[in-house]
Amino acid sequence: MQTLHWQKSTYSGDSSNCVYVAASTTGTIHLRESDEPDIIVTTTTQSLHALIRSLAQ
């Protein structure tokens, strides 16, 4: 099993509600929130990019 290296989002700042992101060697993106670290959402880089782009509009 692969070990993921989680990084806190820079948009989380110093708050207690933080979003963490990790990329696997296969290119899958993993997202989790600090309040529920056992719940992990997976996506592709293309889908995450599309989501962020649509939210920015």
C-alpha atoms as a PDB file:
ATOM      1  CA  MET A   1       0.000   0.000   0.000  1.00  0.00           C
ATOM      2  CA  GLN A   2       1.257   3.425  -0.960  1.00  0.00           C
ATOM      3  CA  THR A   3       1.909   6.088   1.698  1.00  0.00           C
ATOM      4  CA  LEU A   4       0.375   9.435   0.824  1.00  0.00           C
ATOM      5  CA  HIS A   5       2.154  12.668   1.709  1.00  0.00           C
ATOM      6  CA  TRP A   6      -0.590  15.062   2.776  1.00  0.00           C
ATOM      7  CA  GLN A   7      -0.185  18.814   2.388  1.00  0.00           C
ATOM      8  CA  LYS A   8      -2.430  21.419   3.962  1.00  0.00           C
ATOM      9  CA  SER A   9      -4.080  23.766   1.497  1.00  0.00           C
ATOM     10  CA  THR A  10      -2.633  27.263   1.582  1.00  0.00           C
ATOM     11  CA  TYR A  11      -6.201  28.587   1.600  1.00  0.00           C
ATOM     12  CA  SER A  12      -6.842  26.905   4.967  1.00  0.00           C
ATOM     13  CA  GLY A  13      -4.558  29.326   6.801  1.00  0.00           C
ATOM     14  CA  ASP A  14      -4.355  28.807  10.548  1.00  0.00           C
ATOM     15  CA  SER A  15      -7.974  27.782  11.010  1.00  0.00           C
ATOM     16  CA  SER A  16      -8.977  24.449  12.503  1.00  0.00           C
ATOM     17  CA  ASN A  17     -11.030  23.545   9.399  1.00  0.00           C
ATOM     18  CA  CYS A  18      -8.306  22.532   6.984  1.00  0.00           C
ATOM     19  CA  VAL A  19      -8.332  20.813   3.627  1.00  0.00           C
ATOM     20  CA  TYR A  20      -5.471  18.439   2.867  1.00  0.00           C
ATOM     21  CA  VAL A  21      -4.411  17.201  -0.557  1.00  0.00           C
ATOM     22  CA  ALA A  22      -2.148  14.361  -1.680  1.00  0.00           C
ATOM     23  CA  ALA A  23      -1.218  12.976  -5.080  1.00  0.00           C
ATOM     24  CA  SER A  24      -0.564   9.290  -5.665  1.00  0.00           C
ATOM     25  CA  THR A  25       2.041   7.917  -8.022  1.00  0.00           C
ATOM     26  CA  THR A  26      -0.775   7.026 -10.448  1.00  0.00           C
ATOM     27  CA  GLY A  27      -1.847  10.686 -10.675  1.00  0.00           C
ATOM     28  CA  THR A  28      -4.967  10.317  -8.537  1.00  0.00           C
ATOM     29  CA  ILE A  29      -5.676  13.315  -6.303  1.00  0.00           C
ATOM     30  CA  HIS A  30      -6.847  12.646  -2.736  1.00  0.00           C
ATOM     31  CA  LEU A  31      -8.661  15.238  -0.621  1.00  0.00           C
ATOM     32  CA  ARG A  32      -9.646  15.151   3.042  1.00  0.00           C
ATOM     33  CA  GLU A  33     -10.801  17.568   5.717  1.00  0.00           C
ATOM     34  CA  SER A  34      -9.165  17.864   9.130  1.00  0.00           C
ATOM     35  CA  ASP A  35     -12.475  17.221  10.943  1.00  0.00           C
ATOM     36  CA  GLU A  36     -13.007  13.853   9.174  1.00  0.00           C
ATOM     37  CA  PRO A  37      -9.525  12.592   8.159  1.00  0.00           C
ATOM     38  CA  ASP A  38     -10.765   9.048   7.492  1.00  0.00           C
ATOM     39  CA  ILE A  39     -13.098  10.252   4.729  1.00  0.00           C
ATOM     40  CA  ILE A  40     -11.037  10.682   1.577  1.00  0.00           C
ATOM     41  CA  VAL A  41     -12.365  11.886  -1.770  1.00  0.00           C
ATOM     42  CA  THR A  42     -10.432  10.875  -4.875  1.00  0.00           C
ATOM     43  CA  THR A  43     -10.467  12.579  -8.252  1.00  0.00           C
ATOM     44  CA  THR A  44      -8.323  13.216 -11.310  1.00  0.00           C
ATOM     45  CA  THR A  45      -6.241  16.309 -11.911  1.00  0.00           C
ATOM     46  CA  GLN A  46      -8.477  17.246 -14.855  1.00  0.00           C
ATOM     47  CA  SER A  47     -11.671  17.030 -12.793  1.00  0.00           C
ATOM     48  CA  LEU A  48     -10.187  18.977  -9.882  1.00  0.00           C
ATOM     49  CA  HIS A  49      -8.957  21.656 -12.271  1.00  0.00           C
ATOM     50  CA  ALA A  50     -12.424  21.933 -13.839  1.00  0.00           C
ATOM     51  CA  LEU A  51     -14.047  22.233 -10.390  1.00  0.00           C
ATOM     52  CA  ILE A  52     -11.663  24.948  -9.239  1.00  0.00           C
ATOM     53  CA  ARG A  53     -12.050  26.820 -12.516  1.00  0.00           C
ATOM     54  CA  SER A  54     -15.869  26.743 -12.278  1.00  0.00           C
ATOM     55  CA  LEU A  55     -15.836  27.860  -8.631  1.00  0.00           C
ATOM     56  CA  ALA A  56     -13.591  30.800  -9.471  1.00  0.00           C
ATOM     57  CA  GLN A  57     -16.093  32.185 -11.966  1.00  0.00           C
END
